[in-house]
């Protein structure tokens, strides 16, 4: 009779659920998923929660395998030496292997007044706190969305479509990731919705008060509700547990997603920094990484050599209200190209992706091992690593956390 292996997955987001489901491929593996919420947060719909068009939550029974034990609690510390995690409730859970998939949230803003008067929406709880504030504000009240990445664009469009007077403050370029053709398309749609877009070098926010936003060019904007979508950070669990992290706090791993400190700890999703060259924070990266993390654990259990990460990207899709959107195609290296699909078809494609994400998780729950998108070929990841080795500039930029923190994409 084979010995049972206990695997604990910390975090029940896209990466964590994918990893947990996939780990049930072996009957001699006991999988425990620890998550602070009883429901799965469909994070790429948080802008819809803010706009009142979707609840952004899914019952775990719809996407989590029957063989996964769900523990609703928060991990406060990882005891790597003792192979256990300490829970906020006071208990402990031991493990043979741990998958670290704690995800990301809003970054702490350094702009004066932002932490006090602006509303971040990087987590379900933050978006939920903003919803009643918007409901209480008059329909004509000035709403300012700070940050012109996907989250800022989607939130501005959602609120404008609902009849709000919205100003989108870019702090630079509108949609930095987008190809110029895609950027022009997004700008046209925002204009049709009545969104005032402020971009350029003088649009960096320097101060936030209860009823105004000050820009670097000296302009002061009236703002009854200020929404902050600039940057993302990660939980400090790895730091508090004494594990090696990058500057942003992501767990440092090798290319098999194994912690550089402990081969029993494997990371996936936004909170992982493989080879100090982390991927763009997105569910597009999180789910394949979750599958790769599970495969690494299963390979170790089987006494086999784990395969390495070979992540590639295909596109970025942004909703622009309920009836419009853009599907921005990209190279496998995550660089946007000229080709795009926008308008109503773009909106349908975005909705298809949102539904498809849950289908991938549900399919893996029903048939563990069926997901294969993490097995992309072409050596994309290897080329990026080689480029980073040849030049300190790309690697240094990634290690700083700037691209991943500032350019996070929901999809």
Protein backbone atom coordinates (compact mmCIF):
# COMPACT_ATOMS: atom_id res chain seq x y z
CA UNK A 1 0.00 0.00 0.00
CA UNK A 2 1.47 3.36 -1.04
CA UNK A 3 2.00 6.11 1.50
CA UNK A 4 -0.42 9.05 1.35
CA UNK A 5 0.96 12.51 0.46
CA UNK A 6 -0.59 15.65 1.95
CA UNK A 7 -0.57 18.73 -0.28
CA UNK A 8 -1.79 22.10 0.98
CA UNK A 9 -2.72 24.82 -1.50
CA UNK A 10 -2.74 28.31 -0.01
CA UNK A 11 -5.06 30.57 -1.96
CA UNK A 12 -8.25 29.73 -3.85
CA UNK A 13 -7.94 31.96 -6.91
CA UNK A 14 -7.33 30.97 -10.52
CA UNK A 15 -3.91 29.42 -9.87
CA UNK A 16 -4.84 27.77 -6.59
CA UNK A 17 -8.04 26.13 -7.84
CA UNK A 18 -6.33 24.86 -10.99
CA UNK A 19 -3.49 23.38 -8.94
CA UNK A 20 -5.80 21.81 -6.36
CA UNK A 21 -8.01 20.19 -9.00
CA UNK A 22 -5.06 18.84 -10.95
CA UNK A 23 -3.43 17.35 -7.86
CA UNK A 24 -6.38 14.98 -7.43
CA UNK A 25 -5.09 12.96 -10.39
CA UNK A 26 -3.44 10.66 -7.87
CA UNK A 27 -5.61 8.74 -5.43
CA UNK A 28 -2.84 8.69 -2.83
CA UNK A 29 -2.68 12.50 -2.61
CA UNK A 30 -4.81 14.38 -0.09
CA UNK A 31 -5.44 17.96 -1.24
CA UNK A 32 -6.43 20.76 1.13
CA UNK A 33 -7.25 24.22 -0.23
CA UNK A 34 -7.07 27.03 2.32
CA UNK A 35 -8.84 30.26 1.36
CA UNK A 36 -10.23 33.14 3.44
CA UNK A 37 -13.54 33.22 1.53
CA UNK A 38 -16.26 30.60 1.12
CA UNK A 39 -16.83 31.56 -2.50
CA UNK A 40 -14.52 31.85 -5.49
CA UNK A 41 -13.90 35.45 -6.55
CA UNK A 42 -14.12 35.80 -10.33
CA UNK A 43 -11.66 38.63 -10.22
CA UNK A 44 -11.84 39.61 -13.88
CA UNK A 45 -15.42 40.70 -13.18
CA UNK A 46 -14.68 43.00 -10.23
CA UNK A 47 -15.27 46.07 -12.40
CA UNK A 48 -18.76 44.67 -12.99
CA UNK A 49 -19.29 44.33 -9.26
CA UNK A 50 -18.43 48.01 -8.96
CA UNK A 51 -20.79 48.84 -11.84
CA UNK A 52 -23.60 46.65 -10.49
CA UNK A 53 -23.77 44.24 -13.45
CA UNK A 54 -22.30 41.11 -11.83
CA UNK A 55 -21.65 39.73 -8.36
CA UNK A 56 -18.14 38.49 -9.29
CA UNK A 57 -18.41 35.36 -7.13
CA UNK A 58 -18.91 31.68 -7.96
CA UNK A 59 -19.80 28.77 -5.68
CA UNK A 60 -16.74 26.57 -5.20
CA UNK A 61 -18.94 23.54 -5.81
CA UNK A 62 -19.10 24.59 -9.48
CA UNK A 63 -15.34 24.61 -10.06
CA UNK A 64 -13.61 22.69 -7.27
CA UNK A 65 -13.03 18.95 -7.47
CA UNK A 66 -14.91 16.73 -5.04
CA UNK A 67 -11.60 15.35 -3.80
CA UNK A 68 -10.39 18.77 -2.60
CA UNK A 69 -11.01 19.68 1.05
CA UNK A 70 -11.82 23.40 1.40
CA UNK A 71 -10.73 25.09 4.63
CA UNK A 72 -12.10 28.61 5.06
CA UNK A 73 -9.36 30.35 7.00
CA UNK A 74 -6.29 32.55 6.56
CA UNK A 75 -2.72 31.32 6.69
CA UNK A 76 -0.69 33.64 8.92
CA UNK A 77 2.66 31.87 8.67
CA UNK A 78 4.38 29.03 6.84
CA UNK A 79 6.61 26.90 9.04
CA UNK A 80 8.87 25.47 6.33
CA UNK A 81 11.06 23.56 8.78
CA UNK A 82 8.04 21.92 10.43
CA UNK A 83 6.15 21.52 7.13
CA UNK A 84 3.01 23.13 8.44
CA UNK A 85 0.98 26.31 8.12
CA UNK A 86 -0.42 28.34 11.00
CA UNK A 87 -4.03 29.51 10.64
CA UNK A 88 -5.64 32.71 11.87
CA UNK A 89 -8.14 30.57 13.79
CA UNK A 90 -5.25 29.19 15.83
CA UNK A 91 -4.91 25.76 14.26
CA UNK A 92 -2.19 24.28 12.09
CA UNK A 93 -2.24 22.13 8.98
CA UNK A 94 0.74 19.95 8.09
CA UNK A 95 1.87 19.26 4.57
CA UNK A 96 4.30 17.19 2.56
CA UNK A 97 4.14 19.76 -0.26
CA UNK A 98 2.75 23.28 -0.29
CA UNK A 99 1.50 25.25 -3.30
CA UNK A 100 1.84 28.98 -2.66
CA UNK A 101 -0.91 30.72 -4.67
CA UNK A 102 -1.91 33.71 -2.55
CA UNK A 103 -2.48 35.99 -5.56
CA UNK A 104 -2.29 39.76 -5.48
CA UNK A 105 -4.19 42.80 -4.28
CA UNK A 106 -4.01 46.57 -4.39
CA UNK A 107 -0.65 48.21 -3.81
CA UNK A 108 -0.32 50.64 -0.93
CA UNK A 109 -0.53 54.09 -2.56
CA UNK A 110 2.27 56.52 -1.79
CA UNK A 111 0.37 59.57 -3.05
CA UNK A 112 -0.71 61.86 -0.18
CA UNK A 113 -4.37 61.35 0.67
CA UNK A 114 -4.89 58.36 -1.62
CA UNK A 115 -4.99 55.77 1.18
CA UNK A 116 -7.48 57.89 3.11
CA UNK A 117 -9.78 59.23 0.42
CA UNK A 118 -9.47 56.99 -2.66
CA UNK A 119 -11.14 53.61 -3.12
CA UNK A 120 -9.00 50.72 -4.42
CA UNK A 121 -10.75 47.82 -6.17
CA UNK A 122 -8.07 45.16 -6.37
CA UNK A 123 -9.93 42.72 -4.13
CA UNK A 124 -13.51 41.57 -3.69
CA UNK A 125 -13.77 43.31 -0.32
CA UNK A 126 -12.47 46.60 -1.72
CA UNK A 127 -14.87 46.51 -4.66
CA UNK A 128 -17.68 45.67 -2.26
CA UNK A 129 -16.88 48.69 -0.08
CA UNK A 130 -16.97 50.99 -3.10
CA UNK A 131 -20.38 49.79 -4.33
CA UNK A 132 -22.50 51.47 -1.59
CA UNK A 133 -20.42 54.64 -1.86
CA UNK A 134 -21.35 54.92 -5.52
CA UNK A 135 -24.98 54.09 -4.75
CA UNK A 136 -25.10 56.92 -2.20
CA UNK A 137 -23.52 59.47 -4.55
CA UNK A 138 -25.81 61.54 -6.81
CA UNK A 139 -25.90 60.41 -10.44
CA UNK A 140 -24.28 63.72 -11.45
CA UNK A 141 -21.42 63.41 -8.95
CA UNK A 142 -17.93 63.60 -10.45
CA UNK A 143 -16.23 60.20 -10.42
CA UNK A 144 -12.48 60.04 -11.02
CA UNK A 145 -10.77 56.78 -11.96
CA UNK A 146 -7.02 56.94 -11.46
CA UNK A 147 -4.96 54.54 -13.56
CA UNK A 148 -5.34 53.66 -17.24
CA UNK A 149 -4.45 49.99 -17.25
CA UNK A 150 -7.14 47.39 -17.98
CA UNK A 151 -8.79 47.73 -14.55
CA UNK A 152 -9.05 51.51 -14.82
CA UNK A 153 -10.34 51.42 -18.39
CA UNK A 154 -12.93 48.74 -17.65
CA UNK A 155 -14.15 50.50 -14.51
CA UNK A 156 -14.43 53.88 -16.21
CA UNK A 157 -16.38 52.38 -19.12
CA UNK A 158 -18.69 50.39 -16.85
CA UNK A 159 -19.59 53.42 -14.74
CA UNK A 160 -19.97 55.76 -17.71
CA UNK A 161 -22.31 53.32 -19.41
CA UNK A 162 -24.41 53.40 -16.24
CA UNK A 163 -24.73 57.18 -16.63
CA UNK A 164 -21.95 58.37 -14.34
CA UNK A 165 -19.83 61.44 -15.05
CA UNK A 166 -16.41 59.82 -15.24
CA UNK A 167 -12.91 61.22 -15.69
CA UNK A 168 -10.12 58.73 -16.37
CA UNK A 169 -6.74 60.04 -15.22
CA UNK A 170 -4.02 58.10 -17.02
CA UNK A 171 -0.86 59.41 -15.39
CA UNK A 172 0.78 58.92 -18.77
CA UNK A 173 -0.44 56.84 -21.71
CA UNK A 174 -3.93 55.37 -22.03
CA UNK A 175 -3.61 51.58 -22.01
CA UNK A 176 0.20 51.32 -22.00
CA UNK A 177 0.09 47.68 -23.06
CA UNK A 178 -2.07 48.31 -26.13
CA UNK A 179 -0.83 48.71 -29.69
CA UNK A 180 -1.43 52.29 -30.97
CA UNK A 181 -4.31 51.04 -33.14
CA UNK A 182 -5.90 49.38 -30.14
CA UNK A 183 -5.34 52.48 -28.03
CA UNK A 184 -7.14 54.64 -30.57
CA UNK A 185 -10.05 52.21 -30.61
CA UNK A 186 -10.36 52.32 -26.81
CA UNK A 187 -10.14 56.12 -26.80
CA UNK A 188 -12.99 56.36 -29.34
CA UNK A 189 -15.22 54.07 -27.33
CA UNK A 190 -14.54 55.96 -24.09
CA UNK A 191 -15.35 59.23 -25.85
CA UNK A 192 -18.68 57.80 -27.06
CA UNK A 193 -19.48 56.81 -23.48
CA UNK A 194 -18.73 60.35 -22.32
CA UNK A 195 -15.57 59.53 -20.37
CA UNK A 196 -13.15 62.43 -20.08
CA UNK A 197 -9.69 60.97 -20.65
CA UNK A 198 -6.73 62.92 -19.28
CA UNK A 199 -3.42 61.56 -20.53
CA UNK A 200 0.10 62.85 -21.03
CA UNK A 201 3.04 63.79 -18.81
CA UNK A 202 1.11 66.25 -16.62
CA UNK A 203 -1.60 63.82 -15.54
CA UNK A 204 0.16 62.04 -12.71
CA UNK A 205 -1.86 62.34 -9.49
CA UNK A 206 0.08 64.11 -6.74
CA UNK A 207 -2.59 64.44 -4.05
CA UNK A 208 -6.10 63.23 -3.22
CA UNK A 209 -8.55 64.95 -0.89
CA UNK A 210 -12.12 64.16 0.08
CA UNK A 211 -13.52 66.06 -2.89
CA UNK A 212 -10.66 66.65 -5.34
CA UNK A 213 -7.65 65.20 -7.15
CA UNK A 214 -4.52 67.23 -7.88
CA UNK A 215 -2.41 66.51 -10.97
CA UNK A 216 1.31 66.98 -11.51
CA UNK A 217 0.62 69.78 -13.98
CA UNK A 218 -1.05 71.75 -11.20
CA UNK A 219 -4.65 71.13 -12.25
CA UNK A 220 -7.20 70.28 -9.56
CA UNK A 221 -10.18 68.11 -10.48
CA UNK A 222 -13.41 68.01 -8.48
CA UNK A 223 -14.02 64.40 -7.44
CA UNK A 224 -16.86 63.18 -5.25
CA UNK A 225 -15.67 59.57 -5.60
CA UNK A 226 -12.05 58.73 -6.44
CA UNK A 227 -11.28 55.16 -7.54
CA UNK A 228 -7.67 54.00 -7.34
CA UNK A 229 -6.52 51.35 -9.84
CA UNK A 230 -2.79 52.10 -9.89
CA UNK A 231 -0.53 49.15 -9.20
CA UNK A 232 -0.90 45.78 -7.52
CA UNK A 233 0.94 44.25 -4.61
CA UNK A 234 1.12 40.75 -3.16
CA UNK A 235 0.44 39.50 0.38
CA UNK A 236 3.47 39.45 2.65
CA UNK A 237 2.99 35.85 3.80
CA UNK A 238 6.25 34.68 2.21
CA UNK A 239 8.17 37.58 3.73
CA UNK A 240 6.68 36.93 7.19
CA UNK A 241 7.55 33.27 6.84
CA UNK A 242 11.23 33.99 6.16
CA UNK A 243 11.17 32.80 2.54
CA UNK A 244 13.14 34.47 -0.26
CA UNK A 245 11.13 37.02 -2.23
CA UNK A 246 11.68 39.66 -4.88
CA UNK A 247 11.31 43.40 -4.22
CA UNK A 248 7.52 43.21 -4.55
CA UNK A 249 7.24 40.27 -2.15
CA UNK A 250 6.68 37.48 -4.68
CA UNK A 251 8.14 34.11 -3.77
CA UNK A 252 11.38 33.49 -5.67
CA UNK A 253 11.43 30.18 -7.52
CA UNK A 254 13.30 28.31 -10.22
CA UNK A 255 11.75 27.49 -13.60
CA UNK A 256 9.84 24.50 -12.15
CA UNK A 257 8.14 27.03 -9.81
CA UNK A 258 9.94 25.51 -6.83
CA UNK A 259 11.01 27.87 -4.04
CA UNK A 260 14.75 28.53 -4.07
CA UNK A 261 14.68 27.86 -0.32
CA UNK A 262 12.66 24.65 -0.10
CA UNK A 263 11.82 22.03 -2.73
CA UNK A 264 8.63 21.22 -0.81
CA UNK A 265 7.18 24.67 -1.58
CA UNK A 266 5.98 25.47 -5.09
CA UNK A 267 4.49 28.80 -6.16
CA UNK A 268 1.98 29.78 -8.84
CA UNK A 269 0.15 32.87 -10.05
CA UNK A 270 0.68 36.53 -9.23
CA UNK A 271 2.68 35.76 -6.08
CA UNK A 272 5.42 33.81 -7.88
CA UNK A 273 8.70 35.18 -9.26
CA UNK A 274 10.31 32.41 -11.32
CA UNK A 275 13.99 33.11 -12.06
CA UNK A 276 13.45 36.73 -10.99
CA UNK A 277 11.56 37.15 -14.26
CA UNK A 278 7.90 37.11 -13.16
CA UNK A 279 5.06 36.94 -15.62
CA UNK A 280 2.44 39.61 -16.11
CA UNK A 281 -0.13 39.38 -13.33
CA UNK A 282 -3.21 37.90 -14.99
CA UNK A 283 -5.48 34.87 -14.96
CA UNK A 284 -4.00 34.16 -18.41
CA UNK A 285 -0.75 33.38 -16.59
CA UNK A 286 -2.20 32.14 -13.30
CA UNK A 287 -4.08 29.08 -14.55
CA UNK A 288 -1.21 27.63 -16.60
CA UNK A 289 1.11 28.30 -13.68
CA UNK A 290 -1.30 26.50 -11.37
CA UNK A 291 -1.24 23.49 -13.68
CA UNK A 292 2.56 23.63 -13.90
CA UNK A 293 2.87 23.85 -10.09
CA UNK A 294 0.64 20.79 -9.68
CA UNK A 295 2.68 18.89 -12.27
CA UNK A 296 5.87 19.76 -10.42
CA UNK A 297 4.45 18.33 -7.20
CA UNK A 298 3.18 15.19 -8.94
CA UNK A 299 6.55 14.68 -10.64
CA UNK A 300 8.35 14.92 -7.31
CA UNK A 301 5.97 12.40 -5.74
CA UNK A 302 6.60 10.03 -8.65
CA UNK A 303 10.36 10.50 -8.37
CA UNK A 304 10.54 12.14 -11.78
CA UNK A 305 12.24 15.34 -12.90
CA UNK A 306 9.72 18.21 -13.16
CA UNK A 307 9.33 20.06 -16.43
CA UNK A 308 10.12 23.76 -16.58
CA UNK A 309 7.86 26.72 -17.17
CA UNK A 310 7.18 27.58 -20.81
CA UNK A 311 4.59 30.31 -20.52
CA UNK A 312 3.34 32.19 -23.55
CA UNK A 313 0.66 34.81 -24.04
CA UNK A 314 -1.82 35.36 -26.85
CA UNK A 315 -3.82 38.52 -26.20
CA UNK A 316 -5.30 40.94 -23.76
CA UNK A 317 -9.04 41.54 -23.73
CA UNK A 318 -10.72 44.56 -22.18
CA UNK A 319 -14.44 45.15 -21.77
CA UNK A 320 -15.70 48.65 -22.56
CA UNK A 321 -19.13 48.44 -21.03
CA UNK A 322 -21.56 45.61 -21.71
CA UNK A 323 -21.81 46.11 -25.47
CA UNK A 324 -18.27 46.89 -26.53
CA UNK A 325 -14.75 45.65 -25.96
CA UNK A 326 -11.38 44.99 -27.49
CA UNK A 327 -9.43 41.79 -28.02
CA UNK A 328 -5.82 42.94 -28.45
CA UNK A 329 -3.68 40.23 -30.02
CA UNK A 330 -0.06 39.85 -28.96
CA UNK A 331 3.12 37.99 -29.68
CA UNK A 332 3.87 34.97 -27.54
CA UNK A 333 6.28 37.20 -25.62
CA UNK A 334 3.30 39.37 -24.54
CA UNK A 335 4.03 42.30 -26.86
CA UNK A 336 0.90 43.75 -28.47
CA UNK A 337 0.63 43.63 -32.27
CA UNK A 338 -1.45 45.68 -34.70
CA UNK A 339 -4.25 43.13 -35.04
CA UNK A 340 -7.30 43.58 -32.82
CA UNK A 341 -10.99 42.78 -32.68
CA UNK A 342 -13.16 45.49 -31.20
CA UNK A 343 -16.77 46.62 -30.99
CA UNK A 344 -19.56 44.16 -30.23
CA UNK A 345 -17.49 41.20 -31.37
CA UNK A 346 -14.74 42.30 -29.00
CA UNK A 347 -17.29 42.37 -26.17
CA UNK A 348 -18.52 38.88 -27.05
CA UNK A 349 -14.97 37.57 -27.12
CA UNK A 350 -14.26 39.05 -23.69
CA UNK A 351 -17.42 37.46 -22.31
CA UNK A 352 -16.45 34.15 -23.90
CA UNK A 353 -13.09 34.36 -22.13
CA UNK A 354 -14.72 35.15 -18.76
CA UNK A 355 -17.03 32.16 -19.11
CA UNK A 356 -14.24 30.00 -20.52
CA UNK A 357 -11.98 30.61 -17.52
CA UNK A 358 -14.55 29.00 -15.23
CA UNK A 359 -15.08 26.19 -17.72
CA UNK A 360 -11.36 25.39 -17.68
CA UNK A 361 -11.44 25.13 -13.88
CA UNK A 362 -14.63 23.06 -13.88
CA UNK A 363 -13.28 20.73 -16.57
CA UNK A 364 -10.12 20.15 -14.58
CA UNK A 365 -12.25 19.43 -11.51
CA UNK A 366 -14.24 16.81 -13.43
CA UNK A 367 -11.29 15.33 -15.30
CA UNK A 368 -7.99 16.12 -13.58
CA UNK A 369 -5.13 16.37 -16.05
CA UNK A 370 -7.28 17.47 -18.99
CA UNK A 371 -5.97 21.06 -19.02
CA UNK A 372 -3.03 21.40 -21.42
CA UNK A 373 -2.55 25.12 -22.15
CA UNK A 374 0.54 25.20 -19.93
CA UNK A 375 2.30 22.87 -22.34
CA UNK A 376 2.86 25.53 -25.02
CA UNK A 377 5.78 24.89 -27.33
CA UNK A 378 8.17 27.23 -29.04
CA UNK A 379 10.76 28.06 -26.38
CA UNK A 380 9.27 31.51 -25.64
CA UNK A 381 10.23 31.45 -21.99
CA UNK A 382 13.75 30.23 -22.76
CA UNK A 383 14.31 33.13 -25.16
CA UNK A 384 13.18 35.65 -22.55
CA UNK A 385 15.57 34.18 -20.00
CA UNK A 386 18.43 34.30 -22.47
CA UNK A 387 17.64 37.92 -23.30
CA UNK A 388 17.61 38.79 -19.60
CA UNK A 389 21.01 37.17 -19.17
CA UNK A 390 22.45 39.14 -22.09
CA UNK A 391 21.16 42.47 -20.87
CA UNK A 392 20.61 43.68 -17.34
CA UNK A 393 17.93 46.14 -18.47
CA UNK A 394 14.99 43.73 -19.02
CA UNK A 395 15.84 41.68 -15.96
CA UNK A 396 16.26 44.73 -13.77
CA UNK A 397 12.92 46.10 -14.93
CA UNK A 398 11.20 42.83 -14.09
CA UNK A 399 12.91 42.48 -10.71
CA UNK A 400 11.68 45.92 -9.71
CA UNK A 401 8.12 44.68 -10.04
CA UNK A 402 7.15 47.71 -12.12
CA UNK A 403 5.63 46.07 -15.23
CA UNK A 404 3.73 43.42 -13.34
CA UNK A 405 2.57 45.82 -10.65
CA UNK A 406 1.49 48.62 -12.93
CA UNK A 407 0.27 46.70 -15.94
CA UNK A 408 -1.77 43.94 -14.35
CA UNK A 409 -4.39 42.53 -16.66
CA UNK A 410 -7.45 40.66 -15.54
CA UNK A 411 -7.20 38.37 -18.54
